[in-house]
N, C-alpha and C. Protein backbone atom coordinates (compact mmCIF):
# COMPACT_ATOMS: atom_id res chain seq x y z
N MET A 1 -29.96 92.26 11.36
CA MET A 1 -29.06 91.34 10.67
C MET A 1 -29.68 89.95 10.69
N SER A 2 -29.67 89.28 9.55
CA SER A 2 -30.25 87.94 9.49
C SER A 2 -29.30 86.92 10.12
N THR A 3 -29.83 85.75 10.40
CA THR A 3 -29.03 84.68 10.99
C THR A 3 -27.87 84.32 10.07
N VAL A 4 -28.13 84.24 8.77
CA VAL A 4 -27.06 83.92 7.82
C VAL A 4 -25.97 84.97 7.88
N GLN A 5 -26.36 86.24 7.91
CA GLN A 5 -25.37 87.32 7.99
C GLN A 5 -24.58 87.24 9.29
N GLU A 6 -25.24 86.89 10.38
CA GLU A 6 -24.55 86.76 11.67
C GLU A 6 -23.53 85.64 11.61
N ILE A 7 -23.92 84.51 11.00
CA ILE A 7 -22.99 83.38 10.89
C ILE A 7 -21.81 83.76 10.00
N GLU A 8 -22.10 84.39 8.85
CA GLU A 8 -21.02 84.80 7.95
C GLU A 8 -20.08 85.78 8.64
N SER A 9 -20.64 86.69 9.42
CA SER A 9 -19.82 87.66 10.13
C SER A 9 -18.92 86.95 11.15
N ALA A 10 -19.49 86.02 11.89
CA ALA A 10 -18.71 85.28 12.89
C ALA A 10 -17.61 84.46 12.22
N LEU A 11 -17.94 83.80 11.10
CA LEU A 11 -16.94 82.99 10.41
C LEU A 11 -15.82 83.85 9.83
N SER A 12 -16.16 85.06 9.38
CA SER A 12 -15.14 85.93 8.79
C SER A 12 -14.11 86.39 9.83
N GLN A 13 -14.46 86.31 11.10
CA GLN A 13 -13.56 86.75 12.16
C GLN A 13 -12.64 85.63 12.65
N LEU A 14 -12.83 84.42 12.14
CA LEU A 14 -12.00 83.29 12.55
C LEU A 14 -10.68 83.30 11.80
N ALA A 15 -9.64 82.85 12.48
CA ALA A 15 -8.35 82.65 11.81
C ALA A 15 -8.49 81.43 10.91
N PRO A 16 -7.65 81.32 9.87
CA PRO A 16 -7.77 80.19 8.94
C PRO A 16 -7.80 78.82 9.62
N ASN A 17 -6.92 78.61 10.62
CA ASN A 17 -6.91 77.31 11.29
C ASN A 17 -8.19 77.09 12.10
N GLU A 18 -8.76 78.16 12.66
CA GLU A 18 -10.03 78.03 13.38
C GLU A 18 -11.17 77.72 12.42
N PHE A 19 -11.14 78.33 11.23
CA PHE A 19 -12.18 78.08 10.25
C PHE A 19 -12.16 76.61 9.83
N ARG A 20 -10.95 76.06 9.64
CA ARG A 20 -10.85 74.64 9.26
C ARG A 20 -11.43 73.76 10.35
N GLU A 21 -11.24 74.13 11.61
CA GLU A 21 -11.82 73.37 12.71
C GLU A 21 -13.35 73.41 12.65
N VAL A 22 -13.91 74.58 12.37
CA VAL A 22 -15.36 74.72 12.24
C VAL A 22 -15.86 73.89 11.06
N GLU A 23 -15.12 73.95 9.94
CA GLU A 23 -15.49 73.14 8.77
C GLU A 23 -15.51 71.66 9.10
N ARG A 24 -14.48 71.19 9.79
CA ARG A 24 -14.42 69.77 10.16
C ARG A 24 -15.59 69.40 11.06
N TRP A 25 -15.89 70.27 12.01
CA TRP A 25 -17.01 70.00 12.92
C TRP A 25 -18.32 69.94 12.14
N MET A 26 -18.51 70.88 11.20
CA MET A 26 -19.74 70.90 10.42
C MET A 26 -19.84 69.67 9.53
N ASP A 27 -18.73 69.24 8.93
CA ASP A 27 -18.73 68.03 8.11
C ASP A 27 -19.09 66.80 8.95
N ALA A 28 -18.51 66.72 10.15
CA ALA A 28 -18.80 65.58 11.02
C ALA A 28 -20.28 65.59 11.44
N TRP A 29 -20.81 66.77 11.74
CA TRP A 29 -22.22 66.88 12.13
C TRP A 29 -23.13 66.50 10.96
N LYS A 30 -22.80 66.94 9.76
CA LYS A 30 -23.60 66.60 8.59
C LYS A 30 -23.58 65.08 8.37
N GLN A 31 -22.40 64.47 8.52
CA GLN A 31 -22.30 63.01 8.37
C GLN A 31 -23.19 62.31 9.39
N ARG A 32 -23.18 62.81 10.61
CA ARG A 32 -24.01 62.21 11.67
C ARG A 32 -25.49 62.36 11.33
N LEU A 33 -25.89 63.54 10.84
CA LEU A 33 -27.28 63.76 10.46
C LEU A 33 -27.68 62.84 9.31
N ASP A 34 -26.78 62.71 8.32
CA ASP A 34 -27.06 61.82 7.18
C ASP A 34 -27.28 60.39 7.65
N GLU A 35 -26.44 59.93 8.57
CA GLU A 35 -26.58 58.57 9.09
C GLU A 35 -27.88 58.42 9.87
N THR A 36 -28.24 59.44 10.63
CA THR A 36 -29.48 59.41 11.40
C THR A 36 -30.69 59.39 10.46
N ASP A 37 -30.65 60.22 9.41
CA ASP A 37 -31.74 60.24 8.43
C ASP A 37 -31.90 58.88 7.78
N ALA A 38 -30.78 58.28 7.38
CA ALA A 38 -30.83 56.98 6.71
C ALA A 38 -31.37 55.90 7.65
N ALA A 39 -30.94 55.90 8.90
CA ALA A 39 -31.40 54.91 9.87
C ALA A 39 -32.90 55.08 10.12
N PHE A 40 -33.35 56.33 10.25
CA PHE A 40 -34.77 56.58 10.47
C PHE A 40 -35.59 56.14 9.27
N ALA A 41 -35.14 56.48 8.06
CA ALA A 41 -35.88 56.11 6.85
C ALA A 41 -35.99 54.59 6.72
N LEU A 42 -34.92 53.90 7.05
CA LEU A 42 -34.94 52.43 6.98
C LEU A 42 -35.90 51.86 8.02
N GLU A 43 -35.77 52.33 9.25
CA GLU A 43 -36.60 51.80 10.33
C GLU A 43 -38.07 52.14 10.15
N GLU A 44 -38.34 53.38 9.80
CA GLU A 44 -39.73 53.85 9.75
C GLU A 44 -40.44 53.46 8.45
N TYR A 45 -39.71 53.49 7.34
CA TYR A 45 -40.35 53.30 6.03
C TYR A 45 -39.79 52.15 5.21
N GLY A 46 -38.73 51.50 5.69
CA GLY A 46 -38.12 50.42 4.93
C GLY A 46 -37.38 50.91 3.70
N VAL A 47 -36.91 52.15 3.75
CA VAL A 47 -36.23 52.77 2.61
C VAL A 47 -34.72 52.60 2.78
N THR A 48 -34.05 52.16 1.72
CA THR A 48 -32.60 51.99 1.78
C THR A 48 -31.90 53.34 1.63
N ARG A 49 -30.62 53.36 1.94
CA ARG A 49 -29.81 54.57 1.80
C ARG A 49 -29.83 55.05 0.34
N GLU A 50 -29.72 54.10 -0.59
CA GLU A 50 -29.71 54.46 -2.02
C GLU A 50 -31.04 55.09 -2.43
N GLU A 51 -32.14 54.53 -1.94
CA GLU A 51 -33.46 55.10 -2.25
C GLU A 51 -33.60 56.49 -1.66
N LEU A 52 -33.10 56.66 -0.45
CA LEU A 52 -33.14 57.98 0.19
C LEU A 52 -32.30 58.98 -0.60
N ASP A 53 -31.13 58.58 -1.07
CA ASP A 53 -30.28 59.47 -1.87
C ASP A 53 -30.97 59.85 -3.18
N ARG A 54 -31.64 58.89 -3.83
CA ARG A 54 -32.35 59.20 -5.09
C ARG A 54 -33.51 60.15 -4.82
N PHE A 55 -34.24 59.93 -3.72
CA PHE A 55 -35.34 60.83 -3.34
C PHE A 55 -34.79 62.24 -3.11
N ASP A 56 -33.69 62.33 -2.39
CA ASP A 56 -33.08 63.63 -2.10
C ASP A 56 -32.71 64.35 -3.39
N ALA A 57 -32.12 63.63 -4.33
CA ALA A 57 -31.73 64.23 -5.61
C ALA A 57 -32.96 64.71 -6.38
N ARG A 58 -34.04 63.91 -6.37
CA ARG A 58 -35.27 64.33 -7.06
C ARG A 58 -35.86 65.58 -6.43
N MET A 59 -35.87 65.65 -5.12
CA MET A 59 -36.44 66.81 -4.44
C MET A 59 -35.60 68.06 -4.68
N LEU A 60 -34.28 67.91 -4.67
CA LEU A 60 -33.42 69.06 -4.95
C LEU A 60 -33.65 69.56 -6.38
N ALA A 61 -33.83 68.64 -7.31
CA ALA A 61 -34.10 69.03 -8.70
C ALA A 61 -35.44 69.76 -8.81
N LYS A 62 -36.45 69.28 -8.09
CA LYS A 62 -37.77 69.94 -8.13
C LYS A 62 -37.70 71.34 -7.52
N VAL A 63 -36.95 71.48 -6.45
CA VAL A 63 -36.81 72.79 -5.82
C VAL A 63 -36.08 73.74 -6.77
N ALA A 64 -35.02 73.26 -7.41
CA ALA A 64 -34.27 74.10 -8.35
C ALA A 64 -35.16 74.53 -9.51
N GLU A 65 -35.98 73.60 -10.01
CA GLU A 65 -36.89 73.94 -11.12
C GLU A 65 -37.91 74.99 -10.68
N ALA A 66 -38.48 74.80 -9.49
CA ALA A 66 -39.45 75.76 -8.98
C ALA A 66 -38.80 77.13 -8.76
N GLU A 67 -37.56 77.11 -8.31
CA GLU A 67 -36.84 78.37 -8.11
C GLU A 67 -36.63 79.08 -9.44
N GLU A 68 -36.26 78.33 -10.48
CA GLU A 68 -36.06 78.92 -11.81
C GLU A 68 -37.36 79.51 -12.35
N ARG A 69 -38.49 78.86 -12.07
CA ARG A 69 -39.79 79.35 -12.54
C ARG A 69 -40.28 80.54 -11.72
N GLY A 70 -39.62 80.80 -10.61
CA GLY A 70 -40.06 81.89 -9.72
C GLY A 70 -41.25 81.49 -8.87
N ALA A 71 -41.43 80.18 -8.69
CA ALA A 71 -42.59 79.68 -7.95
C ALA A 71 -42.35 79.61 -6.44
N LEU A 72 -41.16 79.94 -6.00
CA LEU A 72 -40.86 79.90 -4.56
C LEU A 72 -40.89 81.31 -4.00
N ARG A 73 -41.25 81.41 -2.75
CA ARG A 73 -41.17 82.70 -2.10
C ARG A 73 -40.51 82.51 -0.74
N PRO A 74 -39.86 83.53 -0.23
CA PRO A 74 -39.14 83.39 1.04
C PRO A 74 -40.10 83.14 2.20
N PHE A 75 -39.63 82.41 3.17
CA PHE A 75 -40.40 82.16 4.38
C PHE A 75 -39.86 83.06 5.49
N PRO A 76 -40.65 84.05 5.89
CA PRO A 76 -40.17 85.00 6.89
C PRO A 76 -40.21 84.49 8.32
N GLY A 77 -40.76 83.31 8.54
CA GLY A 77 -40.78 82.73 9.87
C GLY A 77 -42.11 82.79 10.57
N ASP A 78 -43.14 83.33 9.95
CA ASP A 78 -44.47 83.42 10.57
C ASP A 78 -45.45 82.58 9.78
N ILE A 79 -45.55 81.30 10.12
CA ILE A 79 -46.39 80.38 9.37
C ILE A 79 -47.86 80.78 9.41
N GLU A 80 -48.33 81.27 10.53
CA GLU A 80 -49.74 81.67 10.65
C GLU A 80 -50.07 82.77 9.65
N ASN A 81 -49.19 83.75 9.52
CA ASN A 81 -49.42 84.84 8.58
C ASN A 81 -49.37 84.33 7.14
N ASP A 82 -48.43 83.47 6.82
CA ASP A 82 -48.31 82.94 5.45
C ASP A 82 -49.51 82.09 5.08
N VAL A 83 -50.02 81.32 6.00
CA VAL A 83 -51.18 80.46 5.72
C VAL A 83 -52.42 81.32 5.49
N ALA A 84 -52.50 82.45 6.18
CA ALA A 84 -53.66 83.33 6.07
C ALA A 84 -53.71 84.04 4.71
N GLU A 85 -52.57 84.16 4.04
CA GLU A 85 -52.52 84.90 2.76
C GLU A 85 -53.17 84.13 1.64
């Protein structure tokens, strides 16, 4: 079973009120990560939050385009093997 399947299985066993608690926790964690990313980008590269958001949007668009073209392949977790191919 993949990690995603394990997470989905665990979440499916939660009661609705427990799921909302997990959602709130995940939203708070994502907000904290976003703030950390923005602070790091500003400190390390002098990039503003707005510039970071525009970069993020451009990268997501590029990934979506590559996915549509079929140019992406799954990463099974073994970088050494993938680099050797």
